[in-house]
PDB file of N, CA and C in Angstrom:
ATOM      1  N   MET A   1     -73.337 120.357  43.936  1.00  0.00           N
ATOM      2  CA  MET A   1     -73.426 119.560  45.138  1.00  0.00           C
ATOM      3  C   MET A   1     -72.991 120.430  46.311  1.00  0.00           C
ATOM      4  N   ALA A   2     -73.695 120.324  47.399  1.00  0.00           N
ATOM      5  CA  ALA A   2     -73.370 121.119  48.571  1.00  0.00           C
ATOM      6  C   ALA A   2     -72.009 120.713  49.119  1.00  0.00           C
ATOM      7  N   GLN A   3     -71.335 121.674  49.694  1.00  0.00           N
ATOM      8  CA  GLN A   3     -69.988 121.438  50.215  1.00  0.00           C
ATOM      9  C   GLN A   3     -70.010 120.409  51.345  1.00  0.00           C
ATOM     10  N   SER A   4     -71.043 120.420  52.182  1.00  0.00           N
ATOM     11  CA  SER A   4     -71.084 119.516  53.327  1.00  0.00           C
ATOM     12  C   SER A   4     -71.368 118.069  52.930  1.00  0.00           C
ATOM     13  N   THR A   5     -71.887 117.826  51.737  1.00  0.00           N
ATOM     14  CA  THR A   5     -72.210 116.455  51.311  1.00  0.00           C
ATOM     15  C   THR A   5     -71.316 115.978  50.182  1.00  0.00           C
ATOM     16  N   ARG A   6     -70.191 116.634  49.970  1.00  0.00           N
ATOM     17  CA  ARG A   6     -69.332 116.313  48.833  1.00  0.00           C
ATOM     18  C   ARG A   6     -68.837 114.867  48.872  1.00  0.00           C
ATOM     19  N   GLY A   7     -68.430 114.355  50.000  1.00  0.00           N
ATOM     20  CA  GLY A   7     -67.879 113.006  50.086  1.00  0.00           C
ATOM     21  C   GLY A   7     -68.912 111.912  50.286  1.00  0.00           C
ATOM     22  N   TRP A   8     -70.155 112.286  50.489  1.00  0.00           N
ATOM     23  CA  TRP A   8     -71.193 111.298  50.757  1.00  0.00           C
ATOM     24  C   TRP A   8     -71.385 110.335  49.603  1.00  0.00           C
ATOM     25  N   PHE A   9     -71.307 110.839  48.370  1.00  0.00           N
ATOM     26  CA  PHE A   9     -71.483 109.975  47.213  1.00  0.00           C
ATOM     27  C   PHE A   9     -70.406 108.895  47.190  1.00  0.00           C
ATOM     28  N   SER A  10     -69.172 109.294  47.424  1.00  0.00           N
ATOM     29  CA  SER A  10     -68.069 108.328  47.406  1.00  0.00           C
ATOM     30  C   SER A  10     -68.218 107.303  48.517  1.00  0.00           C
ATOM     31  N   VAL A  11     -68.582 107.755  49.704  1.00  0.00           N
ATOM     32  CA  VAL A  11     -68.770 106.832  50.825  1.00  0.00           C
ATOM     33  C   VAL A  11     -69.935 105.885  50.539  1.00  0.00           C
ATOM     34  N   GLY A  12     -71.037 106.441  50.057  1.00  0.00           N
ATOM     35  CA  GLY A  12     -72.208 105.601  49.758  1.00  0.00           C
ATOM     36  C   GLY A  12     -71.919 104.570  48.682  1.00  0.00           C
ATOM     37  N   MET A  13     -71.297 105.007  47.583  1.00  0.00           N
ATOM     38  CA  MET A  13     -70.967 104.067  46.511  1.00  0.00           C
ATOM     39  C   MET A  13     -69.962 103.031  46.991  1.00  0.00           C
ATOM     40  N   GLY A  14     -69.000 103.453  47.794  1.00  0.00           N
ATOM     41  CA  GLY A  14     -68.017 102.509  48.335  1.00  0.00           C
ATOM     42  C   GLY A  14     -68.670 101.440  49.188  1.00  0.00           C
ATOM     43  N   LEU A  15     -69.603 101.850  50.040  1.00  0.00           N
ATOM     44  CA  LEU A  15     -70.305 100.879  50.886  1.00  0.00           C
ATOM     45  C   LEU A  15     -71.174  99.938  50.068  1.00  0.00           C
ATOM     46  N   ILE A  16     -71.853 100.471  49.060  1.00  0.00           N
ATOM     47  CA  ILE A  16     -72.693  99.628  48.201  1.00  0.00           C
ATOM     48  C   ILE A  16     -71.835  98.616  47.448  1.00  0.00           C
ATOM     49  N   ILE A  17     -70.715  99.070  46.899  1.00  0.00           N
ATOM     50  CA  ILE A  17     -69.837  98.171  46.150  1.00  0.00           C
ATOM     51  C   ILE A  17     -69.219  97.124  47.082  1.00  0.00           C
ATOM     52  N   ALA A  18     -68.802  97.545  48.283  1.00  0.00           N
ATOM     53  CA  ALA A  18     -68.228  96.597  49.238  1.00  0.00           C
ATOM     54  C   ALA A  18     -69.265  95.552  49.669  1.00  0.00           C
ATOM     55  N   ALA A  19     -70.481  96.003  49.951  1.00  0.00           N
ATOM     56  CA  ALA A  19     -71.542  95.066  50.347  1.00  0.00           C
ATOM     57  C   ALA A  19     -71.859  94.104  49.209  1.00  0.00           C
ATOM     58  N   GLY A  20     -71.911  94.625  47.988  1.00  0.00           N
ATOM     59  CA  GLY A  20     -72.158  93.756  46.833  1.00  0.00           C
ATOM     60  C   GLY A  20     -71.045  92.736  46.651  1.00  0.00           C
ATOM     61  N   GLY A  21     -69.807  93.162  46.878  1.00  0.00           N
ATOM     62  CA  GLY A  21     -68.678  92.240  46.764  1.00  0.00           C
ATOM     63  C   GLY A  21     -68.733  91.134  47.797  1.00  0.00           C
ATOM     64  N   VAL A  22     -69.006  91.492  49.050  1.00  0.00           N
ATOM     65  CA  VAL A  22     -69.096  90.489  50.116  1.00  0.00           C
ATOM     66  C   VAL A  22     -70.266  89.543  49.859  1.00  0.00           C
ATOM     67  N   TYR A  23     -71.411  90.106  49.471  1.00  0.00           N
ATOM     68  CA  TYR A  23     -72.583  89.277  49.180  1.00  0.00           C
ATOM     69  C   TYR A  23     -72.312  88.364  47.991  1.00  0.00           C
ATOM     70  N   GLY A  24     -71.688  88.904  46.946  1.00  0.00           N
ATOM     71  CA  GLY A  24     -71.358  88.090  45.775  1.00  0.00           C
ATOM     72  C   GLY A  24     -70.397  86.970  46.112  1.00  0.00           C
ATOM     73  N   LEU A  25     -69.402  87.262  46.948  1.00  0.00           N
ATOM     74  CA  LEU A  25     -68.456  86.231  47.359  1.00  0.00           C
ATOM     75  C   LEU A  25     -69.152  85.132  48.161  1.00  0.00           C
ATOM     76  N   ALA A  26     -70.033  85.539  49.073  1.00  0.00           N
ATOM     77  CA  ALA A  26     -70.780  84.547  49.856  1.00  0.00           C
ATOM     78  C   ALA A  26     -71.672  83.697  48.959  1.00  0.00           C
ATOM     79  N   MET A  27     -72.326  84.338  47.986  1.00  0.00           N
ATOM     80  CA  MET A  27     -73.166  83.584  47.053  1.00  0.00           C
ATOM     81  C   MET A  27     -72.326  82.628  46.214  1.00  0.00           C
ATOM     82  N   LEU A  28     -71.175  83.094  45.765  1.00  0.00           N
ATOM     83  CA  LEU A  28     -70.292  82.256  44.961  1.00  0.00           C
ATOM     84  C   LEU A  28     -69.824  81.035  45.741  1.00  0.00           C
ATOM     85  N   LEU A  29     -69.444  81.238  46.996  1.00  0.00           N
ATOM     86  CA  LEU A  29     -69.017  80.112  47.825  1.00  0.00           C
ATOM     87  C   LEU A  29     -70.164  79.137  48.081  1.00  0.00           C
ATOM     88  N   GLY A  30     -71.346  79.670  48.379  1.00  0.00           N
ATOM     89  CA  GLY A  30     -72.497  78.805  48.621  1.00  0.00           C
ATOM     90  C   GLY A  30     -72.891  78.010  47.386  1.00  0.00           C
ATOM     91  N   VAL A  31     -72.908  78.677  46.239  1.00  0.00           N
ATOM     92  CA  VAL A  31     -73.257  77.991  44.992  1.00  0.00           C
ATOM     93  C   VAL A  31     -72.201  76.958  44.632  1.00  0.00           C
ATOM     94  N   SER A  32     -70.924  77.279  44.876  1.00  0.00           N
ATOM     95  CA  SER A  32     -69.877  76.311  44.544  1.00  0.00           C
ATOM     96  C   SER A  32     -69.988  75.057  45.409  1.00  0.00           C
ATOM     97  N   PHE A  33     -70.345  75.226  46.688  1.00  0.00           N
ATOM     98  CA  PHE A  33     -70.553  74.050  47.535  1.00  0.00           C
ATOM     99  C   PHE A  33     -71.750  73.233  47.051  1.00  0.00           C
ATOM    100  N   ALA A  34     -72.831  73.905  46.662  1.00  0.00           N
ATOM    101  CA  ALA A  34     -74.025  73.210  46.175  1.00  0.00           C
ATOM    102  C   ALA A  34     -73.736  72.494  44.861  1.00  0.00           C
ATOM    103  N   ILE A  35     -72.980  73.140  43.974  1.00  0.00           N
ATOM    104  CA  ILE A  35     -72.638  72.508  42.701  1.00  0.00           C
ATOM    105  C   ILE A  35     -71.752  71.291  42.929  1.00  0.00           C
ATOM    106  N   GLY A  36     -70.806  71.425  43.868  1.00  0.00           N
ATOM    107  CA  GLY A  36     -69.946  70.287  44.177  1.00  0.00           C
ATOM    108  C   GLY A  36     -70.742  69.089  44.682  1.00  0.00           C
ATOM    109  N   ALA A  37     -71.701  69.339  45.562  1.00  0.00           N
ATOM    110  CA  ALA A  37     -72.530  68.249  46.082  1.00  0.00           C
ATOM    111  C   ALA A  37     -73.408  67.651  44.983  1.00  0.00           C
ATOM    112  N   ALA A  38     -73.993  68.501  44.137  1.00  0.00           N
ATOM    113  CA  ALA A  38     -74.852  68.008  43.059  1.00  0.00           C
ATOM    114  C   ALA A  38     -74.044  67.243  42.022  1.00  0.00           C
ATOM    115  N   THR A  39     -72.824  67.690  41.749  1.00  0.00           N
ATOM    116  CA  THR A  39     -71.984  67.004  40.771  1.00  0.00           C
ATOM    117  C   THR A  39     -71.579  65.627  41.273  1.00  0.00           C
ATOM    118  N   GLN A  40     -71.341  65.510  42.563  1.00  0.00           N
ATOM    119  CA  GLN A  40     -70.995  64.199  43.122  1.00  0.00           C
ATOM    120  C   GLN A  40     -72.153  63.218  42.981  1.00  0.00           C
ATOM    121  N   GLU A  41     -73.376  63.716  43.097  1.00  0.00           N
ATOM    122  CA  GLU A  41     -74.536  62.832  42.997  1.00  0.00           C
ATOM    123  C   GLU A  41     -74.956  62.565  41.555  1.00  0.00           C
ATOM    124  N   ALA A  42     -75.003  63.628  40.717  1.00  0.00           N
ATOM    125  CA  ALA A  42     -75.564  63.479  39.377  1.00  0.00           C
ATOM    126  C   ALA A  42     -74.517  63.428  38.277  1.00  0.00           C
ATOM    127  N   GLY A  43     -73.321  63.885  38.535  1.00  0.00           N
ATOM    128  CA  GLY A  43     -72.277  63.871  37.515  1.00  0.00           C
ATOM    129  C   GLY A  43     -72.129  65.211  36.809  1.00  0.00           C
ATOM    130  N   ALA A  44     -71.374  65.206  35.739  1.00  0.00           N
ATOM    131  CA  ALA A  44     -71.014  66.425  35.014  1.00  0.00           C
ATOM    132  C   ALA A  44     -72.170  67.163  34.336  1.00  0.00           C
ATOM    133  N   PRO A  45     -73.279  66.522  33.943  1.00  0.00           N
ATOM    134  CA  PRO A  45     -74.359  67.280  33.285  1.00  0.00           C
ATOM    135  C   PRO A  45     -74.910  68.445  34.114  1.00  0.00           C
ATOM    136  N   VAL A  46     -74.703  68.415  35.415  1.00  0.00           N
ATOM    137  CA  VAL A  46     -75.166  69.524  36.256  1.00  0.00           C
ATOM    138  C   VAL A  46     -74.497  70.826  35.825  1.00  0.00           C
ATOM    139  N   LEU A  47     -73.235  70.768  35.452  1.00  0.00           N
ATOM    140  CA  LEU A  47     -72.503  71.966  35.049  1.00  0.00           C
ATOM    141  C   LEU A  47     -73.066  72.552  33.762  1.00  0.00           C
ATOM    142  N   LEU A  48     -73.512  71.709  32.843  1.00  0.00           N
ATOM    143  CA  LEU A  48     -74.108  72.206  31.602  1.00  0.00           C
ATOM    144  C   LEU A  48     -75.442  72.908  31.856  1.00  0.00           C
ATOM    145  N   VAL A  49     -76.208  72.393  32.809  1.00  0.00           N
ATOM    146  CA  VAL A  49     -77.496  73.011  33.140  1.00  0.00           C
ATOM    147  C   VAL A  49     -77.286  74.402  33.734  1.00  0.00           C
ATOM    148  N   LEU A  50     -76.185  74.610  34.446  1.00  0.00           N
ATOM    149  CA  LEU A  50     -75.917  75.900  35.077  1.00  0.00           C
ATOM    150  C   LEU A  50     -75.288  76.920  34.128  1.00  0.00           C
ATOM    151  N   ALA A  51     -74.935  76.520  32.916  1.00  0.00           N
ATOM    152  CA  ALA A  51     -74.292  77.440  31.974  1.00  0.00           C
ATOM    153  C   ALA A  51     -75.241  78.552  31.529  1.00  0.00           C
ATOM    154  N   VAL A  52     -76.497  78.241  31.308  1.00  0.00           N
ATOM    155  CA  VAL A  52     -77.456  79.244  30.828  1.00  0.00           C
ATOM    156  C   VAL A  52     -77.711  80.326  31.887  1.00  0.00           C
ATOM    157  N   PRO A  53     -78.038  79.989  33.126  1.00  0.00           N
ATOM    158  CA  PRO A  53     -78.200  81.051  34.125  1.00  0.00           C
ATOM    159  C   PRO A  53     -76.896  81.814  34.365  1.00  0.00           C
ATOM    160  N   GLY A  54     -75.779  81.133  34.238  1.00  0.00           N
ATOM    161  CA  GLY A  54     -74.487  81.806  34.395  1.00  0.00           C
ATOM    162  C   GLY A  54     -74.267  82.868  33.335  1.00  0.00           C
ATOM    163  N   MET A  55     -74.617  82.552  32.090  1.00  0.00           N
ATOM    164  CA  MET A  55     -74.485  83.543  31.014  1.00  0.00           C
ATOM    165  C   MET A  55     -75.415  84.729  31.256  1.00  0.00           C
ATOM    166  N   GLY A  56     -76.623  84.450  31.720  1.00  0.00           N
ATOM    167  CA  GLY A  56     -77.552  85.532  32.031  1.00  0.00           C
ATOM    168  C   GLY A  56     -77.046  86.429  33.146  1.00  0.00           C
ATOM    169  N   ALA A  57     -76.484  85.828  34.184  1.00  0.00           N
ATOM    170  CA  ALA A  57     -75.946  86.605  35.301  1.00  0.00           C
ATOM    171  C   ALA A  57     -74.763  87.465  34.860  1.00  0.00           C
ATOM    172  N   ILE A  58     -73.892  86.918  34.026  1.00  0.00           N
ATOM    173  CA  ILE A  58     -72.750  87.687  33.531  1.00  0.00           C
ATOM    174  C   ILE A  58     -73.233  88.853  32.657  1.00  0.00           C
ATOM    175  N   GLY A  59     -74.215  88.603  31.807  1.00  0.00           N
ATOM    176  CA  GLY A  59     -74.772  89.669  30.984  1.00  0.00           C
ATOM    177  C   GLY A  59     -75.401  90.773  31.826  1.00  0.00           C
ATOM    178  N   PHE A  60     -76.124  90.392  32.878  1.00  0.00           N
ATOM    179  CA  PHE A  60     -76.727  91.374  33.774  1.00  0.00           C
ATOM    180  C   PHE A  60     -75.658  92.214  34.458  1.00  0.00           C
ATOM    181  N   LEU A  61     -74.596  91.580  34.935  1.00  0.00           N
ATOM    182  CA  LEU A  61     -73.520  92.315  35.601  1.00  0.00           C
ATOM    183  C   LEU A  61     -72.828  93.287  34.648  1.00  0.00           C
ATOM    184  N   ILE A  62     -72.629  92.865  33.413  1.00  0.00           N
ATOM    185  CA  ILE A  62     -72.008  93.753  32.425  1.00  0.00           C
ATOM    186  C   ILE A  62     -72.889  94.979  32.181  1.00  0.00           C
ATOM    187  N   LEU A  63     -74.191  94.775  32.021  1.00  0.00           N
ATOM    188  CA  LEU A  63     -75.095  95.908  31.809  1.00  0.00           C
ATOM    189  C   LEU A  63     -75.176  96.815  33.034  1.00  0.00           C
ATOM    190  N   LEU A  64     -75.159  96.240  34.221  1.00  0.00           N
ATOM    191  CA  LEU A  64     -75.180  97.025  35.449  1.00  0.00           C
ATOM    192  C   LEU A  64     -73.924  97.887  35.561  1.00  0.00           C
ATOM    193  N   LEU A  65     -72.787  97.315  35.266  1.00  0.00           N
ATOM    194  CA  LEU A  65     -71.539  98.081  35.287  1.00  0.00           C
ATOM    195  C   LEU A  65     -71.553  99.189  34.237  1.00  0.00           C
ATOM    196  N   LYS A  66     -72.122  98.917  33.068  1.00  0.00           N
ATOM    197  CA  LYS A  66     -72.214  99.939  32.022  1.00  0.00           C
ATOM    198  C   LYS A  66     -73.056 101.121  32.481  1.00  0.00           C
ATOM    199  N   VAL A  67     -74.179 100.844  33.120  1.00  0.00           N
ATOM    200  CA  VAL A  67     -75.053 101.907  33.611  1.00  0.00           C
ATOM    201  C   VAL A  67     -74.332 102.747  34.661  1.00  0.00           C
ATOM    202  N   ILE A  68     -73.640 102.097  35.583  1.00  0.00           N
ATOM    203  CA  ILE A  68     -72.931 102.825  36.634  1.00  0.00           C
ATOM    204  C   ILE A  68     -71.823 103.680  36.042  1.00  0.00           C
ATOM    205  N   VAL A  69     -71.026 103.122  35.144  1.00  0.00           N
ATOM    206  CA  VAL A  69     -69.921 103.875  34.535  1.00  0.00           C
ATOM    207  C   VAL A  69     -70.452 105.029  33.698  1.00  0.00           C
ATOM    208  N   ASP A  70     -71.531 104.800  32.942  1.00  0.00           N
ATOM    209  CA  ASP A  70     -72.111 105.873  32.134  1.00  0.00           C
ATOM    210  C   ASP A  70     -72.632 107.007  33.003  1.00  0.00           C
ATOM    211  N   ARG A  71     -73.254 106.677  34.122  1.00  0.00           N
ATOM    212  CA  ARG A  71     -73.812 107.717  35.002  1.00  0.00           C
ATOM    213  C   ARG A  71     -72.696 108.488  35.701  1.00  0.00           C
ATOM    214  N   VAL A  72     -71.720 107.803  36.219  1.00  0.00           N
ATOM    215  CA  VAL A  72     -70.644 108.472  36.948  1.00  0.00           C
ATOM    216  C   VAL A  72     -69.827 109.349  36.010  1.00  0.00           C
ATOM    217  N   GLY A  73     -69.634 108.925  34.783  1.00  0.00           N
ATOM    218  CA  GLY A  73     -68.792 109.668  33.860  1.00  0.00           C
ATOM    219  C   GLY A  73     -69.514 110.664  32.977  1.00  0.00           C
ATOM    220  N   ASN A  74     -70.798 110.932  33.226  1.00  0.00           N
ATOM    221  CA  ASN A  74     -71.568 111.807  32.347  1.00  0.00           C
ATOM    222  C   ASN A  74     -71.660 113.211  32.929  1.00  0.00           C
ATOM    223  N   ALA A  75     -70.921 114.135  32.334  1.00  0.00           N
ATOM    224  CA  ALA A  75     -70.912 115.527  32.814  1.00  0.00           C
ATOM    225  C   ALA A  75     -72.247 116.216  32.556  1.00  0.00           C
ATOM    226  N   GLU A  76     -72.959 115.823  31.495  1.00  0.00           N
ATOM    227  CA  GLU A  76     -74.248 116.449  31.185  1.00  0.00           C
ATOM    228  C   GLU A  76     -75.269 116.165  32.281  1.00  0.00           C
ATOM    229  N   ASP A  77     -75.301 114.927  32.790  1.00  0.00           N
ATOM    230  CA  ASP A  77     -76.211 114.593  33.893  1.00  0.00           C
ATOM    231  C   ASP A  77     -75.866 115.390  35.145  1.00  0.00           C
ATOM    232  N   ASP A  78     -74.580 115.550  35.428  1.00  0.00           N
ATOM    233  CA  ASP A  78     -74.171 116.334  36.596  1.00  0.00           C
ATOM    234  C   ASP A  78     -74.613 117.785  36.450  1.00  0.00           C
ATOM    235  N   HIS A  79     -74.422 118.347  35.268  1.00  0.00           N
ATOM    236  CA  HIS A  79     -74.836 119.725  35.012  1.00  0.00           C
ATOM    237  C   HIS A  79     -76.346 119.862  35.159  1.00  0.00           C
ATOM    238  N   TYR A  80     -77.093 118.926  34.623  1.00  0.00           N
ATOM    239  CA  TYR A  80     -78.545 118.962  34.692  1.00  0.00           C
ATOM    240  C   TYR A  80     -79.017 118.900  36.142  1.00  0.00           C
ATOM    241  N   SER A  81     -78.437 118.008  36.929  1.00  0.00           N
ATOM    242  CA  SER A  81     -78.884 117.860  38.319  1.00  0.00           C
ATOM    243  C   SER A  81     -78.514 119.065  39.166  1.00  0.00           C
ATOM    244  N   LYS A  82     -77.491 119.823  38.776  1.00  0.00           N
ATOM    245  CA  LYS A  82     -77.092 120.999  39.537  1.00  0.00           C
ATOM    246  C   LYS A  82     -77.891 122.240  39.161  1.00  0.00           C
ATOM    247  N   THR A  83     -78.325 122.351  37.912  1.00  0.00           N
ATOM    248  CA  THR A  83     -78.907 123.609  37.446  1.00  0.00           C
ATOM    249  C   THR A  83     -80.428 123.609  37.329  1.00  0.00           C
ATOM    250  N   VAL A  84     -81.070 122.474  37.234  1.00  0.00           N
ATOM    251  CA  VAL A  84     -82.526 122.438  37.061  1.00  0.00           C
ATOM    252  C   VAL A  84     -83.198 122.537  38.431  1.00  0.00           C
ATOM    253  N   ASP A  85     -84.209 123.403  38.515  1.00  0.00           N
ATOM    254  CA  ASP A  85     -84.960 123.547  39.760  1.00  0.00           C
ATOM    255  C   ASP A  85     -85.739 122.283  40.052  1.00  0.00           C
ATOM    256  N   GLN A  86     -85.783 121.944  41.293  1.00  0.00           N
ATOM    257  CA  GLN A  86     -86.461 120.699  41.683  1.00  0.00           C
ATOM    258  C   GLN A  86     -87.915 120.976  42.008  1.00  0.00           C
TER     259      GLN A  86
END
């Protein structure tokens, strides 16, 4: 990695993670308000209907985190990207 761009990866990843956190928090608050309103009208079965998409979302987040951790912690990928001609 060039000396002048050494910190760019950290700044870029930090901004992406921060934006994802803020967006996720906003989505969580919006969904919680919608669930509260729907539960008041329809009752508790609304929560059971949301369990399946919730499990899918949690599974997706786990896989996304695995990909990020595997890429950041893989010395072979770093070596490959530094030594192979583009």
